[in-house]
Amino acid sequence: MKAIGRLGTTPSERGDTTSVSGSPDILALDDGSFAVIGVDITDRLGRHPLPDARCAPNERIVQITRATLVHAKKDIPDE
């Protein structure tokens, strides 16, 4: 598995980084799937954040900024 690109603008272009620690991001992977870099909030939301939402033991719930998703919108395919 390899990251091949980013959806949206860079964290520094969005003003979404401190240049000291990590920055929220959405990455395109070489198999056609996506990866999200964000703050792990699994423990705060719990494994069942909504009645019909479940977080498996091998999954994490991560938080990204609104700007990260809004700036990625143009790069998200319709299908």
N, C-alpha and C. Protein backbone atom coordinates (compact mmCIF):
# COMPACT_ATOMS: atom_id res chain seq x y z
N MET A 1 0.85 -1.18 0.00
CA MET A 1 0.00 0.00 0.00
C MET A 1 0.90 1.24 0.00
N LYS A 2 0.48 2.22 -0.80
CA LYS A 2 1.28 3.44 -0.92
C LYS A 2 0.37 4.64 -1.13
N ALA A 3 0.70 5.75 -0.47
CA ALA A 3 -0.01 7.00 -0.71
C ALA A 3 0.50 7.58 -2.03
N ILE A 4 -0.46 7.97 -2.90
CA ILE A 4 -0.06 8.48 -4.21
C ILE A 4 -0.49 9.94 -4.43
N GLY A 5 -1.22 10.49 -3.50
CA GLY A 5 -1.66 11.87 -3.67
C GLY A 5 -2.49 12.34 -2.49
N ARG A 6 -2.97 13.54 -2.61
CA ARG A 6 -3.76 14.18 -1.56
C ARG A 6 -5.07 14.68 -2.17
N LEU A 7 -6.12 14.66 -1.39
CA LEU A 7 -7.37 15.29 -1.79
C LEU A 7 -7.40 16.67 -1.17
N GLY A 8 -7.58 17.67 -1.99
CA GLY A 8 -7.62 19.04 -1.48
C GLY A 8 -6.25 19.67 -1.41
N THR A 9 -6.18 20.74 -0.66
CA THR A 9 -4.95 21.51 -0.54
C THR A 9 -4.10 20.97 0.62
N THR A 10 -2.85 21.38 0.65
CA THR A 10 -1.96 20.94 1.73
C THR A 10 -2.39 21.58 3.05
N PRO A 11 -2.05 20.94 4.16
CA PRO A 11 -2.38 21.55 5.45
C PRO A 11 -1.82 22.96 5.61
N SER A 12 -0.61 23.20 5.11
CA SER A 12 -0.04 24.54 5.24
C SER A 12 -0.80 25.56 4.40
N GLU A 13 -1.30 25.16 3.23
CA GLU A 13 -2.11 26.06 2.41
C GLU A 13 -3.42 26.43 3.09
N ARG A 14 -3.97 25.49 3.88
CA ARG A 14 -5.22 25.73 4.60
C ARG A 14 -4.99 26.46 5.92
N GLY A 15 -3.74 26.58 6.35
CA GLY A 15 -3.46 27.13 7.67
C GLY A 15 -3.84 26.16 8.76
N ASP A 16 -3.74 24.86 8.45
CA ASP A 16 -4.21 23.79 9.31
C ASP A 16 -3.06 23.00 9.94
N THR A 17 -1.94 23.67 10.17
CA THR A 17 -0.79 22.98 10.74
C THR A 17 0.00 23.94 11.60
N THR A 18 0.69 23.37 12.56
CA THR A 18 1.57 24.19 13.40
C THR A 18 3.02 24.03 12.98
N SER A 19 3.29 23.15 12.02
CA SER A 19 4.64 22.80 11.58
C SER A 19 5.44 22.13 12.69
N VAL A 20 4.78 21.77 13.78
CA VAL A 20 5.45 21.11 14.89
C VAL A 20 4.96 19.68 15.04
N SER A 21 3.66 19.51 14.90
CA SER A 21 3.06 18.19 15.04
C SER A 21 2.36 17.81 13.74
N GLY A 22 1.56 16.78 13.78
CA GLY A 22 0.84 16.33 12.60
C GLY A 22 -0.19 17.33 12.11
N SER A 23 -0.73 17.04 10.95
CA SER A 23 -1.73 17.90 10.35
C SER A 23 -2.81 17.04 9.72
N PRO A 24 -4.10 17.43 9.84
CA PRO A 24 -5.15 16.64 9.22
C PRO A 24 -4.99 16.61 7.71
N ASP A 25 -5.26 15.46 7.12
CA ASP A 25 -5.08 15.30 5.68
C ASP A 25 -5.91 14.12 5.18
N ILE A 26 -6.22 14.13 3.90
CA ILE A 26 -6.89 13.01 3.24
C ILE A 26 -6.00 12.57 2.09
N LEU A 27 -5.59 11.31 2.11
CA LEU A 27 -4.65 10.78 1.14
C LEU A 27 -5.30 9.78 0.21
N ALA A 28 -4.92 9.81 -1.06
CA ALA A 28 -5.34 8.80 -2.03
C ALA A 28 -4.32 7.67 -2.00
N LEU A 29 -4.80 6.44 -2.00
CA LEU A 29 -3.92 5.27 -1.97
C LEU A 29 -3.89 4.59 -3.33
N ASP A 30 -2.82 3.84 -3.57
CA ASP A 30 -2.63 3.23 -4.89
C ASP A 30 -3.64 2.14 -5.22
N ASP A 31 -4.42 1.69 -4.25
CA ASP A 31 -5.43 0.68 -4.55
C ASP A 31 -6.81 1.31 -4.81
N GLY A 32 -6.87 2.64 -4.86
CA GLY A 32 -8.13 3.33 -5.11
C GLY A 32 -8.87 3.74 -3.85
N SER A 33 -8.38 3.35 -2.69
CA SER A 33 -9.03 3.73 -1.44
C SER A 33 -8.38 5.00 -0.89
N PHE A 34 -8.83 5.44 0.26
CA PHE A 34 -8.37 6.68 0.86
C PHE A 34 -7.96 6.46 2.30
N ALA A 35 -7.06 7.29 2.79
CA ALA A 35 -6.64 7.27 4.19
C ALA A 35 -6.82 8.68 4.75
N VAL A 36 -7.15 8.74 6.04
CA VAL A 36 -7.37 10.03 6.70
C VAL A 36 -6.38 10.16 7.85
N ILE A 37 -5.70 11.30 7.90
CA ILE A 37 -4.84 11.63 9.03
C ILE A 37 -5.61 12.60 9.89
N GLY A 38 -5.82 12.23 11.13
CA GLY A 38 -6.57 13.10 12.04
C GLY A 38 -6.31 12.71 13.48
N VAL A 39 -6.94 13.39 14.38
CA VAL A 39 -6.80 13.13 15.80
C VAL A 39 -7.69 11.94 16.18
N ASP A 40 -7.12 10.96 16.85
CA ASP A 40 -7.88 9.78 17.28
C ASP A 40 -8.84 10.18 18.40
N ILE A 41 -10.15 10.12 18.12
CA ILE A 41 -11.16 10.48 19.13
C ILE A 41 -12.04 9.28 19.48
N THR A 42 -11.54 8.08 19.18
CA THR A 42 -12.31 6.86 19.44
C THR A 42 -12.73 6.75 20.89
N ASP A 43 -11.81 6.98 21.80
CA ASP A 43 -12.13 6.86 23.23
C ASP A 43 -13.15 7.90 23.68
N ARG A 44 -13.11 9.08 23.08
CA ARG A 44 -14.06 10.13 23.46
C ARG A 44 -15.46 9.87 22.93
N LEU A 45 -15.57 9.32 21.71
CA LEU A 45 -16.90 9.06 21.13
C LEU A 45 -17.42 7.67 21.48
N GLY A 46 -16.52 6.75 21.75
CA GLY A 46 -16.90 5.38 22.03
C GLY A 46 -17.01 4.56 20.75
N ARG A 47 -17.11 3.27 20.91
CA ARG A 47 -17.14 2.35 19.76
C ARG A 47 -18.49 2.34 19.04
N HIS A 48 -19.52 2.94 19.63
CA HIS A 48 -20.85 3.02 19.03
C HIS A 48 -21.33 4.47 19.08
N PRO A 49 -20.75 5.36 18.26
CA PRO A 49 -21.10 6.78 18.36
C PRO A 49 -22.53 7.12 17.95
N LEU A 50 -23.13 6.29 17.12
CA LEU A 50 -24.54 6.44 16.71
C LEU A 50 -25.18 5.07 16.74
N PRO A 51 -26.51 5.00 16.84
CA PRO A 51 -27.15 3.69 16.90
C PRO A 51 -26.79 2.77 15.73
N ASP A 52 -26.54 3.34 14.56
CA ASP A 52 -26.22 2.51 13.40
C ASP A 52 -24.76 2.67 12.94
N ALA A 53 -23.91 3.14 13.83
CA ALA A 53 -22.48 3.28 13.51
C ALA A 53 -21.66 2.50 14.52
N ARG A 54 -20.75 1.69 14.02
CA ARG A 54 -19.90 0.86 14.88
C ARG A 54 -18.45 1.03 14.47
N CYS A 55 -17.56 1.03 15.44
CA CYS A 55 -16.13 1.10 15.19
C CYS A 55 -15.53 -0.24 15.62
N ALA A 56 -15.04 -1.00 14.65
CA ALA A 56 -14.47 -2.32 14.91
C ALA A 56 -13.15 -2.18 15.68
N PRO A 57 -12.70 -3.25 16.32
CA PRO A 57 -11.45 -3.19 17.09
C PRO A 57 -10.24 -2.74 16.26
N ASN A 58 -10.25 -3.02 14.97
CA ASN A 58 -9.12 -2.61 14.12
C ASN A 58 -9.34 -1.25 13.45
N GLU A 59 -10.36 -0.52 13.87
CA GLU A 59 -10.66 0.80 13.31
C GLU A 59 -10.51 1.88 14.37
N ARG A 60 -10.35 3.11 13.92
CA ARG A 60 -10.29 4.26 14.80
C ARG A 60 -11.17 5.36 14.22
N ILE A 61 -11.78 6.14 15.09
CA ILE A 61 -12.54 7.31 14.66
C ILE A 61 -11.58 8.49 14.76
N VAL A 62 -11.40 9.19 13.64
CA VAL A 62 -10.48 10.32 13.66
C VAL A 62 -11.21 11.61 13.33
N GLN A 63 -10.75 12.68 13.90
CA GLN A 63 -11.34 14.00 13.68
C GLN A 63 -10.43 14.78 12.73
N ILE A 64 -11.05 15.39 11.71
CA ILE A 64 -10.34 16.29 10.83
C ILE A 64 -11.05 17.63 10.87
N THR A 65 -10.38 18.66 10.49
CA THR A 65 -11.01 19.98 10.50
C THR A 65 -12.01 20.10 9.36
N ARG A 66 -12.94 21.00 9.52
CA ARG A 66 -13.91 21.28 8.45
C ARG A 66 -13.18 21.71 7.18
N ALA A 67 -12.16 22.53 7.33
CA ALA A 67 -11.41 23.01 6.17
C ALA A 67 -10.79 21.86 5.39
N THR A 68 -10.32 20.82 6.08
CA THR A 68 -9.73 19.67 5.40
C THR A 68 -10.74 19.03 4.46
N LEU A 69 -11.95 18.80 4.92
CA LEU A 69 -12.97 18.17 4.10
C LEU A 69 -13.49 19.10 3.01
N VAL A 70 -13.72 20.36 3.35
CA VAL A 70 -14.23 21.32 2.37
C VAL A 70 -13.24 21.48 1.21
N HIS A 71 -11.96 21.57 1.52
CA HIS A 71 -10.96 21.74 0.47
C HIS A 71 -10.75 20.46 -0.34
N ALA A 72 -11.13 19.31 0.20
CA ALA A 72 -11.01 18.04 -0.53
C ALA A 72 -12.21 17.78 -1.42
N LYS A 73 -13.30 18.49 -1.23
CA LYS A 73 -14.56 18.24 -1.94
C LYS A 73 -14.38 18.15 -3.45
N LYS A 74 -13.60 19.04 -4.02
CA LYS A 74 -13.41 19.06 -5.47
C LYS A 74 -12.70 17.80 -5.99
N ASP A 75 -11.96 17.12 -5.12
CA ASP A 75 -11.21 15.94 -5.52
C ASP A 75 -11.92 14.63 -5.19
N ILE A 76 -13.08 14.69 -4.55
CA ILE A 76 -13.81 13.47 -4.18
C ILE A 76 -14.66 13.04 -5.36
N PRO A 77 -14.42 11.82 -5.86
CA PRO A 77 -15.19 11.37 -7.01
C PRO A 77 -16.66 11.15 -6.67
N ASP A 78 -17.53 11.30 -7.67
CA ASP A 78 -18.96 11.07 -7.48
C ASP A 78 -19.26 9.58 -7.29
N GLU A 79 -18.44 8.74 -7.86
CA GLU A 79 -18.65 7.29 -7.74
C GLU A 79 -17.37 6.60 -7.47
